[in-house]
Amino acid sequence: MPPTELAGTQFIADRQGWLRARSQPDAAGWRADDLVCRAEADTTSGRGAPPDALDQLIARMDAEPVRAVVPGTPHLP
């Protein structure tokens, strides 16, 4: 995507630096569908919901950290 098409787009990275959410310039606010990567199950249910959508996204990112997976088999010398 050319940089001009990203003008006004907002991004959120988690505490480990992974890109986790993206909001389009014409969006009215943050929403759950803005998450870029997410777990299959909603792990935030049953907890007190934060007051707004942005706080909910951040709480969900904290509850569902990205787990880096190293492919292949390590080779030992």
PDB file of N, CA and C in Angstrom:
ATOM      1  N   MET A   1       0.850  -1.162   0.000  1.00  0.00           N
ATOM      2  CA  MET A   1       0.000   0.000   0.000  1.00  0.00           C
ATOM      3  C   MET A   1       0.906   1.237   0.000  1.00  0.00           C
ATOM      4  N   PRO A   2       0.711   2.159  -0.935  1.00  0.00           N
ATOM      5  CA  PRO A   2       1.533   3.374  -0.972  1.00  0.00           C
ATOM      6  C   PRO A   2       1.309   4.230   0.276  1.00  0.00           C
ATOM      7  N   PRO A   3       2.351   4.944   0.716  1.00  0.00           N
ATOM      8  CA  PRO A   3       2.226   5.772   1.924  1.00  0.00           C
ATOM      9  C   PRO A   3       1.077   6.782   1.854  1.00  0.00           C
ATOM     10  N   THR A   4       0.747   7.283   0.684  1.00  0.00           N
ATOM     11  CA  THR A   4      -0.345   8.259   0.582  1.00  0.00           C
ATOM     12  C   THR A   4      -1.683   7.643   0.964  1.00  0.00           C
ATOM     13  N   GLU A   5      -1.834   6.325   0.772  1.00  0.00           N
ATOM     14  CA  GLU A   5      -3.079   5.656   1.151  1.00  0.00           C
ATOM     15  C   GLU A   5      -3.172   5.433   2.656  1.00  0.00           C
ATOM     16  N   LEU A   6      -2.068   5.582   3.378  1.00  0.00           N
ATOM     17  CA  LEU A   6      -2.060   5.405   4.831  1.00  0.00           C
ATOM     18  C   LEU A   6      -2.272   6.715   5.591  1.00  0.00           C
ATOM     19  N   ALA A   7      -2.374   7.828   4.874  1.00  0.00           N
ATOM     20  CA  ALA A   7      -2.548   9.128   5.528  1.00  0.00           C
ATOM     21  C   ALA A   7      -3.771   9.097   6.445  1.00  0.00           C
ATOM     22  N   GLY A   8      -3.584   9.462   7.698  1.00  0.00           N
ATOM     23  CA  GLY A   8      -4.663   9.499   8.672  1.00  0.00           C
ATOM     24  C   GLY A   8      -4.934   8.172   9.361  1.00  0.00           C
ATOM     25  N   THR A   9      -4.280   7.102   8.929  1.00  0.00           N
ATOM     26  CA  THR A   9      -4.459   5.797   9.565  1.00  0.00           C
ATOM     27  C   THR A   9      -3.751   5.795  10.914  1.00  0.00           C
ATOM     28  N   GLN A  10      -4.370   5.204  11.922  1.00  0.00           N
ATOM     29  CA  GLN A  10      -3.775   5.115  13.254  1.00  0.00           C
ATOM     30  C   GLN A  10      -3.431   3.663  13.557  1.00  0.00           C
ATOM     31  N   PHE A  11      -2.329   3.471  14.281  1.00  0.00           N
ATOM     32  CA  PHE A  11      -1.869   2.134  14.640  1.00  0.00           C
ATOM     33  C   PHE A  11      -1.647   2.051  16.144  1.00  0.00           C
ATOM     34  N   ILE A  12      -1.819   0.853  16.711  1.00  0.00           N
ATOM     35  CA  ILE A  12      -1.496   0.599  18.113  1.00  0.00           C
ATOM     36  C   ILE A  12      -0.576  -0.611  18.159  1.00  0.00           C
ATOM     37  N   ALA A  13       0.540  -0.457  18.853  1.00  0.00           N
ATOM     38  CA  ALA A  13       1.461  -1.572  19.094  1.00  0.00           C
ATOM     39  C   ALA A  13       1.311  -1.982  20.554  1.00  0.00           C
ATOM     40  N   ASP A  14       1.502  -3.281  20.823  1.00  0.00           N
ATOM     41  CA  ASP A  14       1.404  -3.750  22.199  1.00  0.00           C
ATOM     42  C   ASP A  14       2.707  -3.489  22.949  1.00  0.00           C
ATOM     43  N   ARG A  15       2.770  -3.936  24.182  1.00  0.00           N
ATOM     44  CA  ARG A  15       3.933  -3.664  25.038  1.00  0.00           C
ATOM     45  C   ARG A  15       5.217  -4.309  24.518  1.00  0.00           C
ATOM     46  N   GLN A  16       5.101  -5.341  23.689  1.00  0.00           N
ATOM     47  CA  GLN A  16       6.280  -5.997  23.127  1.00  0.00           C
ATOM     48  C   GLN A  16       6.656  -5.429  21.755  1.00  0.00           C
ATOM     49  N   GLY A  17       5.892  -4.462  21.274  1.00  0.00           N
ATOM     50  CA  GLY A  17       6.193  -3.820  20.002  1.00  0.00           C
ATOM     51  C   GLY A  17       5.490  -4.413  18.791  1.00  0.00           C
ATOM     52  N   TRP A  18       4.619  -5.397  18.980  1.00  0.00           N
ATOM     53  CA  TRP A  18       3.876  -5.987  17.872  1.00  0.00           C
ATOM     54  C   TRP A  18       2.749  -5.049  17.456  1.00  0.00           C
ATOM     55  N   LEU A  19       2.558  -4.887  16.138  1.00  0.00           N
ATOM     56  CA  LEU A  19       1.426  -4.126  15.621  1.00  0.00           C
ATOM     57  C   LEU A  19       0.173  -4.931  15.917  1.00  0.00           C
ATOM     58  N   ARG A  20      -0.766  -4.341  16.642  1.00  0.00           N
ATOM     59  CA  ARG A  20      -1.943  -5.093  17.064  1.00  0.00           C
ATOM     60  C   ARG A  20      -3.262  -4.526  16.554  1.00  0.00           C
ATOM     61  N   ALA A  21      -3.331  -3.218  16.284  1.00  0.00           N
ATOM     62  CA  ALA A  21      -4.605  -2.647  15.849  1.00  0.00           C
ATOM     63  C   ALA A  21      -4.360  -1.548  14.826  1.00  0.00           C
ATOM     64  N   ARG A  22      -5.322  -1.397  13.915  1.00  0.00           N
ATOM     65  CA  ARG A  22      -5.239  -0.380  12.878  1.00  0.00           C
ATOM     66  C   ARG A  22      -6.623   0.235  12.705  1.00  0.00           C
ATOM     67  N   SER A  23      -6.688   1.555  12.657  1.00  0.00           N
ATOM     68  CA  SER A  23      -7.955   2.258  12.473  1.00  0.00           C
ATOM     69  C   SER A  23      -7.869   3.104  11.211  1.00  0.00           C
ATOM     70  N   GLN A  24      -8.865   2.990  10.362  1.00  0.00           N
ATOM     71  CA  GLN A  24      -8.918   3.753   9.115  1.00  0.00           C
ATOM     72  C   GLN A  24      -9.247   5.217   9.397  1.00  0.00           C
ATOM     73  N   PRO A  25      -8.812   6.140   8.529  1.00  0.00           N
ATOM     74  CA  PRO A  25      -9.053   7.563   8.763  1.00  0.00           C
ATOM     75  C   PRO A  25     -10.527   7.929   8.875  1.00  0.00           C
ATOM     76  N   ASP A  26     -11.407   7.216   8.186  1.00  0.00           N
ATOM     77  CA  ASP A  26     -12.831   7.560   8.202  1.00  0.00           C
ATOM     78  C   ASP A  26     -13.602   6.872   9.329  1.00  0.00           C
ATOM     79  N   ALA A  27     -12.905   6.113  10.180  1.00  0.00           N
ATOM     80  CA  ALA A  27     -13.570   5.408  11.281  1.00  0.00           C
ATOM     81  C   ALA A  27     -13.990   6.388  12.371  1.00  0.00           C
ATOM     82  N   ALA A  28     -15.137   6.123  12.979  1.00  0.00           N
ATOM     83  CA  ALA A  28     -15.660   6.996  14.029  1.00  0.00           C
ATOM     84  C   ALA A  28     -14.926   6.816  15.344  1.00  0.00           C
ATOM     85  N   GLY A  29     -14.266   5.695  15.521  1.00  0.00           N
ATOM     86  CA  GLY A  29     -13.542   5.400  16.764  1.00  0.00           C
ATOM     87  C   GLY A  29     -12.995   3.995  16.711  1.00  0.00           C
ATOM     88  N   TRP A  30     -12.329   3.594  17.758  1.00  0.00           N
ATOM     89  CA  TRP A  30     -11.760   2.243  17.825  1.00  0.00           C
ATOM     90  C   TRP A  30     -12.857   1.236  18.081  1.00  0.00           C
ATOM     91  N   ARG A  31     -12.683   0.014  17.522  1.00  0.00           N
ATOM     92  CA  ARG A  31     -13.647  -1.066  17.726  1.00  0.00           C
ATOM     93  C   ARG A  31     -12.904  -2.393  17.716  1.00  0.00           C
ATOM     94  N   ALA A  32     -13.531  -3.450  18.151  1.00  0.00           N
ATOM     95  CA  ALA A  32     -12.891  -4.766  18.249  1.00  0.00           C
ATOM     96  C   ALA A  32     -12.381  -5.252  16.900  1.00  0.00           C
ATOM     97  N   ASP A  33     -13.049  -4.914  15.815  1.00  0.00           N
ATOM     98  CA  ASP A  33     -12.625  -5.349  14.484  1.00  0.00           C
ATOM     99  C   ASP A  33     -11.327  -4.691  14.027  1.00  0.00           C
ATOM    100  N   ASP A  34     -10.841  -3.695  14.752  1.00  0.00           N
ATOM    101  CA  ASP A  34      -9.577  -3.044  14.399  1.00  0.00           C
ATOM    102  C   ASP A  34      -8.359  -3.875  14.791  1.00  0.00           C
ATOM    103  N   LEU A  35      -8.559  -4.940  15.569  1.00  0.00           N
ATOM    104  CA  LEU A  35      -7.431  -5.796  15.954  1.00  0.00           C
ATOM    105  C   LEU A  35      -6.857  -6.471  14.720  1.00  0.00           C
ATOM    106  N   VAL A  36      -5.539  -6.440  14.588  1.00  0.00           N
ATOM    107  CA  VAL A  36      -4.856  -7.054  13.451  1.00  0.00           C
ATOM    108  C   VAL A  36      -4.643  -8.538  13.705  1.00  0.00           C
ATOM    109  N   CYS A  37      -4.189  -8.903  14.892  1.00  0.00           N
ATOM    110  CA  CYS A  37      -4.049 -10.317  15.234  1.00  0.00           C
ATOM    111  C   CYS A  37      -4.749 -10.541  16.557  1.00  0.00           C
ATOM    112  N   ARG A  38      -5.428 -11.660  16.634  1.00  0.00           N
ATOM    113  CA  ARG A  38      -6.229 -11.945  17.823  1.00  0.00           C
ATOM    114  C   ARG A  38      -6.299 -13.434  18.059  1.00  0.00           C
ATOM    115  N   ALA A  39      -6.602 -13.806  19.268  1.00  0.00           N
ATOM    116  CA  ALA A  39      -6.785 -15.217  19.609  1.00  0.00           C
ATOM    117  C   ALA A  39      -8.155 -15.661  19.117  1.00  0.00           C
ATOM    118  N   GLU A  40      -8.311 -16.955  18.926  1.00  0.00           N
ATOM    119  CA  GLU A  40      -9.600 -17.484  18.467  1.00  0.00           C
ATOM    120  C   GLU A  40     -10.707 -17.233  19.480  1.00  0.00           C
ATOM    121  N   ALA A  41     -10.406 -17.433  20.762  1.00  0.00           N
ATOM    122  CA  ALA A  41     -11.408 -17.256  21.818  1.00  0.00           C
ATOM    123  C   ALA A  41     -11.272 -15.866  22.418  1.00  0.00           C
ATOM    124  N   ASP A  42     -12.378 -15.294  22.820  1.00  0.00           N
ATOM    125  CA  ASP A  42     -12.359 -13.995  23.496  1.00  0.00           C
ATOM    126  C   ASP A  42     -11.998 -14.232  24.950  1.00  0.00           C
ATOM    127  N   THR A  43     -10.783 -13.839  25.331  1.00  0.00           N
ATOM    128  CA  THR A  43     -10.321 -14.089  26.698  1.00  0.00           C
ATOM    129  C   THR A  43     -10.677 -12.958  27.653  1.00  0.00           C
ATOM    130  N   THR A  44     -11.355 -11.922  27.164  1.00  0.00           N
ATOM    131  CA  THR A  44     -11.682 -10.792  28.030  1.00  0.00           C
ATOM    132  C   THR A  44     -13.071 -10.906  28.638  1.00  0.00           C
ATOM    133  N   SER A  45     -13.871 -11.873  28.213  1.00  0.00           N
ATOM    134  CA  SER A  45     -15.217 -11.979  28.763  1.00  0.00           C
ATOM    135  C   SER A  45     -15.152 -12.363  30.233  1.00  0.00           C
ATOM    136  N   GLY A  46     -16.099 -11.844  30.986  1.00  0.00           N
ATOM    137  CA  GLY A  46     -16.137 -12.139  32.402  1.00  0.00           C
ATOM    138  C   GLY A  46     -15.343 -11.148  33.238  1.00  0.00           C
ATOM    139  N   ARG A  47     -14.574 -10.310  32.603  1.00  0.00           N
ATOM    140  CA  ARG A  47     -13.830  -9.283  33.324  1.00  0.00           C
ATOM    141  C   ARG A  47     -14.602  -7.981  33.219  1.00  0.00           C
ATOM    142  N   GLY A  48     -14.380  -7.091  34.141  1.00  0.00           N
ATOM    143  CA  GLY A  48     -15.034  -5.794  34.071  1.00  0.00           C
ATOM    144  C   GLY A  48     -14.600  -5.067  32.813  1.00  0.00           C
ATOM    145  N   ALA A  49     -15.537  -4.685  31.987  1.00  0.00           N
ATOM    146  CA  ALA A  49     -15.215  -4.028  30.725  1.00  0.00           C
ATOM    147  C   ALA A  49     -14.721  -2.604  30.964  1.00  0.00           C
ATOM    148  N   PRO A  50     -13.613  -2.227  30.338  1.00  0.00           N
ATOM    149  CA  PRO A  50     -13.152  -0.853  30.429  1.00  0.00           C
ATOM    150  C   PRO A  50     -14.196   0.085  29.832  1.00  0.00           C
ATOM    151  N   PRO A  51     -14.139   1.355  30.176  1.00  0.00           N
ATOM    152  CA  PRO A  51     -15.204   2.280  29.807  1.00  0.00           C
ATOM    153  C   PRO A  51     -15.351   2.589  28.320  1.00  0.00           C
ATOM    154  N   ASP A  52     -14.294   2.529  27.514  1.00  0.00           N
ATOM    155  CA  ASP A  52     -14.460   2.846  26.101  1.00  0.00           C
ATOM    156  C   ASP A  52     -13.759   1.821  25.215  1.00  0.00           C
ATOM    157  N   ALA A  53     -13.992   1.929  23.909  1.00  0.00           N
ATOM    158  CA  ALA A  53     -13.495   0.932  22.963  1.00  0.00           C
ATOM    159  C   ALA A  53     -11.970   0.868  22.935  1.00  0.00           C
ATOM    160  N   LEU A  54     -11.288   1.998  23.028  1.00  0.00           N
ATOM    161  CA  LEU A  54      -9.825   1.991  23.018  1.00  0.00           C
ATOM    162  C   LEU A  54      -9.282   1.247  24.231  1.00  0.00           C
ATOM    163  N   ASP A  55      -9.851   1.507  25.410  1.00  0.00           N
ATOM    164  CA  ASP A  55      -9.435   0.787  26.611  1.00  0.00           C
ATOM    165  C   ASP A  55      -9.725  -0.708  26.476  1.00  0.00           C
ATOM    166  N   GLN A  56     -10.829  -1.063  25.838  1.00  0.00           N
ATOM    167  CA  GLN A  56     -11.161  -2.465  25.620  1.00  0.00           C
ATOM    168  C   GLN A  56     -10.131  -3.128  24.710  1.00  0.00           C
ATOM    169  N   LEU A  57      -9.709  -2.429  23.640  1.00  0.00           N
ATOM    170  CA  LEU A  57      -8.688  -2.987  22.754  1.00  0.00           C
ATOM    171  C   LEU A  57      -7.380  -3.222  23.493  1.00  0.00           C
ATOM    172  N   ILE A  58      -6.960  -2.259  24.274  1.00  0.00           N
ATOM    173  CA  ILE A  58      -5.702  -2.388  25.013  1.00  0.00           C
ATOM    174  C   ILE A  58      -5.788  -3.516  26.035  1.00  0.00           C
ATOM    175  N   ALA A  59      -6.911  -3.622  26.725  1.00  0.00           N
ATOM    176  CA  ALA A  59      -7.089  -4.712  27.688  1.00  0.00           C
ATOM    177  C   ALA A  59      -7.054  -6.061  26.984  1.00  0.00           C
ATOM    178  N   ARG A  60      -7.646  -6.143  25.804  1.00  0.00           N
ATOM    179  CA  ARG A  60      -7.640  -7.401  25.059  1.00  0.00           C
ATOM    180  C   ARG A  60      -6.233  -7.739  24.577  1.00  0.00           C
ATOM    181  N   MET A  61      -5.464  -6.739  24.139  1.00  0.00           N
ATOM    182  CA  MET A  61      -4.081  -6.983  23.720  1.00  0.00           C
ATOM    183  C   MET A  61      -3.254  -7.501  24.890  1.00  0.00           C
ATOM    184  N   ASP A  62      -3.465  -6.935  26.074  1.00  0.00           N
ATOM    185  CA  ASP A  62      -2.747  -7.403  27.265  1.00  0.00           C
ATOM    186  C   ASP A  62      -3.149  -8.838  27.623  1.00  0.00           C
ATOM    187  N   ALA A  63      -4.427  -9.170  27.424  1.00  0.00           N
ATOM    188  CA  ALA A  63      -4.925 -10.500  27.766  1.00  0.00           C
ATOM    189  C   ALA A  63      -4.518 -11.554  26.737  1.00  0.00           C
ATOM    190  N   GLU A  64      -4.256 -11.118  25.495  1.00  0.00           N
ATOM    191  CA  GLU A  64      -3.913 -12.034  24.408  1.00  0.00           C
ATOM    192  C   GLU A  64      -2.569 -11.652  23.797  1.00  0.00           C
ATOM    193  N   PRO A  65      -1.456 -11.843  24.502  1.00  0.00           N
ATOM    194  CA  PRO A  65      -0.167 -11.458  23.938  1.00  0.00           C
ATOM    195  C   PRO A  65       0.194 -12.304  22.712  1.00  0.00           C
ATOM    196  N   VAL A  66       0.966 -11.700  21.811  1.00  0.00           N
ATOM    197  CA  VAL A  66       1.448 -12.421  20.635  1.00  0.00           C
ATOM    198  C   VAL A  66       2.506 -13.410  21.099  1.00  0.00           C
ATOM    199  N   ARG A  67       2.385 -14.619  20.657  1.00  0.00           N
ATOM    200  CA  ARG A  67       3.361 -15.653  21.001  1.00  0.00           C
ATOM    201  C   ARG A  67       4.202 -15.931  19.766  1.00  0.00           C
ATOM    202  N   ALA A  68       5.446 -15.491  19.811  1.00  0.00           N
ATOM    203  CA  ALA A  68       6.344 -15.716  18.685  1.00  0.00           C
ATOM    204  C   ALA A  68       6.645 -17.204  18.560  1.00  0.00           C
ATOM    205  N   VAL A  69       6.526 -17.713  17.365  1.00  0.00           N
ATOM    206  CA  VAL A  69       6.789 -19.125  17.103  1.00  0.00           C
ATOM    207  C   VAL A  69       7.966 -19.195  16.150  1.00  0.00           C
ATOM    208  N   VAL A  70       8.997 -19.905  16.562  1.00  0.00           N
ATOM    209  CA  VAL A  70      10.170 -20.085  15.726  1.00  0.00           C
ATOM    210  C   VAL A  70       9.977 -21.352  14.912  1.00  0.00           C
ATOM    211  N   PRO A  71       9.908 -21.223  13.575  1.00  0.00           N
ATOM    212  CA  PRO A  71       9.681 -22.412  12.755  1.00  0.00           C
ATOM    213  C   PRO A  71      10.942 -23.270  12.637  1.00  0.00           C
ATOM    214  N   GLY A  72      10.737 -24.505  12.292  1.00  0.00           N
ATOM    215  CA  GLY A  72      11.858 -25.393  12.029  1.00  0.00           C
ATOM    216  C   GLY A  72      12.424 -26.045  13.278  1.00  0.00           C
ATOM    217  N   THR A  73      13.480 -26.769  13.086  1.00  0.00           N
ATOM    218  CA  THR A  73      14.160 -27.478  14.160  1.00  0.00           C
ATOM    219  C   THR A  73      15.507 -26.826  14.413  1.00  0.00           C
ATOM    220  N   PRO A  74      15.814 -26.492  15.645  1.00  0.00           N
ATOM    221  CA  PRO A  74      17.117 -25.877  15.904  1.00  0.00           C
ATOM    222  C   PRO A  74      18.238 -26.885  15.642  1.00  0.00           C
ATOM    223  N   HIS A  75      19.309 -26.393  15.073  1.00  0.00           N
ATOM    224  CA  HIS A  75      20.472 -27.230  14.792  1.00  0.00           C
ATOM    225  C   HIS A  75      21.554 -26.915  15.795  1.00  0.00           C
ATOM    226  N   LEU A  76      22.020 -27.923  16.462  1.00  0.00           N
ATOM    227  CA  LEU A  76      23.088 -27.727  17.458  1.00  0.00           C
ATOM    228  C   LEU A  76      24.425 -28.040  16.818  1.00  0.00           C
ATOM    229  N   PRO A  77      25.459 -27.260  17.158  1.00  0.00           N
ATOM    230  CA  PRO A  77      26.785 -27.513  16.574  1.00  0.00           C
ATOM    231  C   PRO A  77      27.410 -28.783  17.102  1.00  0.00           C
TER     232      PRO A  77
END
